[in-house]
């Protein structure tokens, strides 16, 4: 069976997700987590079936995880969230 292409949300949905993340980040005072917490979050993402290792992105929301896991206001988009 051929491997399926990873399908990200539509461009519009990813733009909406990004806008919401930026609003949350700015509203939170643009605070970042420390390196240890970012690594903890990223390790959780790497173990998830929604993780795209080639692009270091979440297939569910389309976010680049090197950025999203750094933001204090960032969060996993799954329900329930993994972090």
N, C-alpha and C. Protein backbone atom coordinates (compact mmCIF):
# COMPACT_ATOMS: atom_id res chain seq x y z
N UNK A 1 0.84 -1.18 0.00
CA UNK A 1 0.00 0.00 0.00
C UNK A 1 0.89 1.24 0.00
N UNK A 2 0.68 2.19 -0.93
CA UNK A 2 1.53 3.37 -0.99
C UNK A 2 1.30 4.29 0.21
N UNK A 3 2.37 4.95 0.63
CA UNK A 3 2.29 5.87 1.75
C UNK A 3 1.49 7.11 1.33
N UNK A 4 0.54 7.50 2.19
CA UNK A 4 -0.30 8.65 1.86
C UNK A 4 0.46 9.95 2.09
N UNK A 5 0.15 10.93 1.23
CA UNK A 5 0.70 12.26 1.41
C UNK A 5 0.12 12.86 2.70
N UNK A 6 0.93 13.61 3.39
CA UNK A 6 0.44 14.29 4.58
C UNK A 6 -0.43 15.45 4.14
N UNK A 7 -1.62 15.52 4.70
CA UNK A 7 -2.55 16.58 4.32
C UNK A 7 -2.68 17.59 5.44
N UNK A 8 -2.25 18.79 5.14
CA UNK A 8 -2.37 19.90 6.08
C UNK A 8 -3.73 20.56 5.91
N UNK A 9 -4.13 21.37 6.88
CA UNK A 9 -5.37 22.14 6.70
C UNK A 9 -5.25 23.05 5.47
N UNK A 10 -6.36 23.60 5.03
CA UNK A 10 -6.34 24.53 3.90
C UNK A 10 -5.48 25.75 4.25
N UNK A 11 -5.04 26.45 3.22
CA UNK A 11 -4.25 27.66 3.43
C UNK A 11 -5.02 28.65 4.31
N UNK A 12 -6.32 28.80 4.03
CA UNK A 12 -7.16 29.71 4.82
C UNK A 12 -7.18 29.30 6.28
N UNK A 13 -7.36 28.00 6.55
CA UNK A 13 -7.41 27.52 7.93
C UNK A 13 -6.07 27.71 8.63
N UNK A 14 -4.97 27.45 7.92
CA UNK A 14 -3.64 27.65 8.54
C UNK A 14 -3.41 29.13 8.84
N UNK A 15 -3.87 30.02 7.96
CA UNK A 15 -3.74 31.47 8.20
C UNK A 15 -4.56 31.87 9.43
N UNK A 16 -5.74 31.29 9.55
CA UNK A 16 -6.60 31.55 10.72
C UNK A 16 -5.93 31.04 12.00
N UNK A 17 -5.36 29.83 11.94
CA UNK A 17 -4.66 29.27 13.09
C UNK A 17 -3.48 30.15 13.49
N UNK A 18 -2.71 30.59 12.51
CA UNK A 18 -1.54 31.44 12.77
C UNK A 18 -1.98 32.76 13.40
N UNK A 19 -3.02 33.37 12.85
CA UNK A 19 -3.51 34.63 13.39
C UNK A 19 -3.94 34.47 14.85
N UNK A 20 -4.66 33.39 15.14
CA UNK A 20 -5.07 33.14 16.53
C UNK A 20 -3.89 32.95 17.45
N UNK A 21 -2.86 32.23 16.97
CA UNK A 21 -1.66 32.00 17.78
C UNK A 21 -0.93 33.31 18.06
N UNK A 22 -0.84 34.17 17.05
CA UNK A 22 -0.16 35.46 17.22
C UNK A 22 -0.93 36.34 18.20
N UNK A 23 -2.25 36.35 18.08
CA UNK A 23 -3.07 37.15 19.01
C UNK A 23 -2.88 36.65 20.44
N UNK A 24 -2.92 35.33 20.63
CA UNK A 24 -2.72 34.76 21.97
C UNK A 24 -1.33 35.10 22.50
N UNK A 25 -0.32 35.00 21.65
CA UNK A 25 1.07 35.26 22.04
C UNK A 25 1.25 36.72 22.48
N UNK A 26 0.73 37.64 21.69
CA UNK A 26 0.85 39.07 22.01
C UNK A 26 0.04 39.39 23.27
N UNK A 27 -1.17 38.83 23.38
CA UNK A 27 -2.01 39.06 24.56
C UNK A 27 -1.36 38.54 25.83
N UNK A 28 -0.53 37.50 25.69
CA UNK A 28 0.17 36.90 26.83
C UNK A 28 1.49 37.63 27.13
N UNK A 29 1.75 38.73 26.45
CA UNK A 29 2.97 39.49 26.70
C UNK A 29 4.18 38.93 25.96
N UNK A 30 3.94 38.13 24.91
CA UNK A 30 5.00 37.54 24.10
C UNK A 30 5.99 36.74 24.95
N UNK A 31 5.46 36.00 25.91
CA UNK A 31 6.29 35.20 26.81
C UNK A 31 6.62 33.86 26.18
N UNK A 32 7.86 33.43 26.41
CA UNK A 32 8.32 32.14 25.93
C UNK A 32 8.61 31.22 27.11
N UNK A 33 8.53 29.91 26.83
CA UNK A 33 8.90 28.93 27.84
C UNK A 33 10.42 28.74 27.80
N UNK A 34 10.97 28.13 28.85
CA UNK A 34 12.41 27.87 28.85
C UNK A 34 12.73 26.69 27.94
N UNK A 35 14.03 26.49 27.71
CA UNK A 35 14.48 25.44 26.79
C UNK A 35 14.00 24.05 27.20
N UNK A 36 14.00 23.78 28.49
CA UNK A 36 13.59 22.46 28.98
C UNK A 36 12.12 22.19 28.66
N UNK A 37 11.26 23.18 28.87
CA UNK A 37 9.83 23.01 28.58
C UNK A 37 9.60 22.90 27.07
N UNK A 38 10.32 23.68 26.29
CA UNK A 38 10.16 23.58 24.85
C UNK A 38 10.54 22.17 24.38
N UNK A 39 11.63 21.64 24.88
CA UNK A 39 12.06 20.30 24.50
C UNK A 39 11.04 19.24 24.93
N UNK A 40 10.46 19.41 26.12
CA UNK A 40 9.43 18.49 26.59
C UNK A 40 8.24 18.49 25.64
N UNK A 41 7.79 19.67 25.26
CA UNK A 41 6.66 19.78 24.34
C UNK A 41 6.99 19.16 22.98
N UNK A 42 8.18 19.47 22.48
CA UNK A 42 8.58 18.96 21.17
C UNK A 42 8.69 17.44 21.16
N UNK A 43 9.16 16.86 22.25
CA UNK A 43 9.25 15.39 22.34
C UNK A 43 7.86 14.76 22.30
N UNK A 44 6.89 15.41 22.92
CA UNK A 44 5.51 14.93 22.86
C UNK A 44 5.03 14.96 21.41
N UNK A 45 5.29 16.06 20.73
CA UNK A 45 4.89 16.19 19.33
C UNK A 45 5.56 15.11 18.46
N UNK A 46 6.82 14.87 18.69
CA UNK A 46 7.55 13.89 17.88
C UNK A 46 6.98 12.48 18.02
N UNK A 47 6.31 12.20 19.13
CA UNK A 47 5.70 10.89 19.34
C UNK A 47 4.27 10.80 18.83
N UNK A 48 3.76 11.85 18.25
CA UNK A 48 2.37 11.93 17.80
C UNK A 48 2.26 11.56 16.33
N UNK A 49 1.15 10.93 15.95
CA UNK A 49 0.95 10.57 14.55
C UNK A 49 0.64 11.78 13.67
N UNK A 50 0.44 12.94 14.25
CA UNK A 50 0.21 14.18 13.49
C UNK A 50 1.51 14.96 13.26
N UNK A 51 2.63 14.38 13.66
CA UNK A 51 3.92 15.06 13.52
C UNK A 51 4.54 14.77 12.15
N UNK A 52 4.92 15.81 11.44
CA UNK A 52 5.62 15.69 10.16
C UNK A 52 7.10 15.96 10.42
N UNK A 53 7.89 14.89 10.49
CA UNK A 53 9.30 15.02 10.84
C UNK A 53 10.11 15.72 9.74
N UNK A 54 9.67 15.63 8.50
CA UNK A 54 10.41 16.27 7.41
C UNK A 54 10.33 17.79 7.50
N UNK A 55 9.21 18.30 7.97
CA UNK A 55 9.04 19.75 8.05
C UNK A 55 8.99 20.28 9.48
N UNK A 56 9.05 19.38 10.48
CA UNK A 56 8.92 19.75 11.88
C UNK A 56 7.65 20.57 12.10
N UNK A 57 6.55 20.03 11.55
CA UNK A 57 5.26 20.70 11.62
C UNK A 57 4.19 19.76 12.13
N UNK A 58 3.11 20.36 12.63
CA UNK A 58 1.93 19.62 13.06
C UNK A 58 0.95 19.55 11.88
N UNK A 59 0.57 18.34 11.51
CA UNK A 59 -0.36 18.17 10.40
C UNK A 59 -1.76 18.66 10.79
N UNK A 60 -2.09 18.60 12.05
CA UNK A 60 -3.43 19.01 12.52
C UNK A 60 -3.66 20.50 12.33
N UNK A 61 -2.70 21.34 12.73
CA UNK A 61 -2.89 22.79 12.65
C UNK A 61 -2.02 23.45 11.60
N UNK A 62 -0.94 22.77 11.17
CA UNK A 62 -0.05 23.32 10.16
C UNK A 62 1.09 24.15 10.72
N UNK A 63 1.15 24.28 12.05
CA UNK A 63 2.17 25.13 12.68
C UNK A 63 3.57 24.51 12.62
N UNK A 64 4.56 25.38 12.56
CA UNK A 64 5.95 24.97 12.70
C UNK A 64 6.22 24.83 14.19
N UNK A 65 6.63 23.64 14.58
CA UNK A 65 6.71 23.32 16.00
C UNK A 65 7.89 23.95 16.72
N UNK A 66 8.94 24.32 15.99
CA UNK A 66 10.05 25.01 16.65
C UNK A 66 9.58 26.36 17.21
N UNK A 67 8.55 26.93 16.61
CA UNK A 67 7.99 28.20 17.11
C UNK A 67 6.86 27.97 18.10
N UNK A 68 5.93 27.11 17.74
CA UNK A 68 4.75 26.91 18.59
C UNK A 68 5.10 26.36 19.96
N UNK A 69 6.05 25.44 20.02
CA UNK A 69 6.43 24.85 21.32
C UNK A 69 7.18 25.85 22.19
N UNK A 70 7.68 26.93 21.62
CA UNK A 70 8.43 27.95 22.37
C UNK A 70 7.49 28.95 23.05
N UNK A 71 6.34 29.20 22.44
CA UNK A 71 5.43 30.22 22.97
C UNK A 71 4.71 29.71 24.22
N UNK A 72 4.74 30.48 25.29
CA UNK A 72 4.05 30.10 26.51
C UNK A 72 2.56 29.87 26.24
N UNK A 73 1.99 30.67 25.38
CA UNK A 73 0.56 30.57 25.08
C UNK A 73 0.25 29.47 24.06
N UNK A 74 1.28 28.85 23.48
CA UNK A 74 1.07 27.80 22.49
C UNK A 74 0.46 26.57 23.12
N UNK A 75 -0.20 25.78 22.31
CA UNK A 75 -0.80 24.56 22.83
C UNK A 75 -1.08 23.57 21.72
N UNK A 76 -1.19 22.33 22.09
CA UNK A 76 -1.51 21.26 21.16
C UNK A 76 -2.95 21.45 20.67
N UNK A 77 -3.18 21.32 19.34
CA UNK A 77 -4.52 21.53 18.81
C UNK A 77 -5.47 20.34 18.95
N UNK A 78 -4.95 19.20 19.40
CA UNK A 78 -5.79 18.02 19.49
C UNK A 78 -6.74 18.12 20.67
N UNK A 79 -7.81 17.34 20.62
CA UNK A 79 -8.76 17.32 21.71
C UNK A 79 -8.86 15.91 22.25
N UNK A 80 -8.35 15.62 23.43
CA UNK A 80 -7.72 16.56 24.37
C UNK A 80 -6.30 16.88 23.95
N UNK A 81 -5.81 18.06 24.33
CA UNK A 81 -4.44 18.44 23.98
C UNK A 81 -3.41 17.54 24.66
N UNK A 82 -2.31 17.30 23.98
CA UNK A 82 -1.24 16.48 24.54
C UNK A 82 -0.30 17.30 25.42
N UNK A 83 -0.30 18.61 25.25
CA UNK A 83 0.47 19.50 26.13
C UNK A 83 -0.20 20.86 26.16
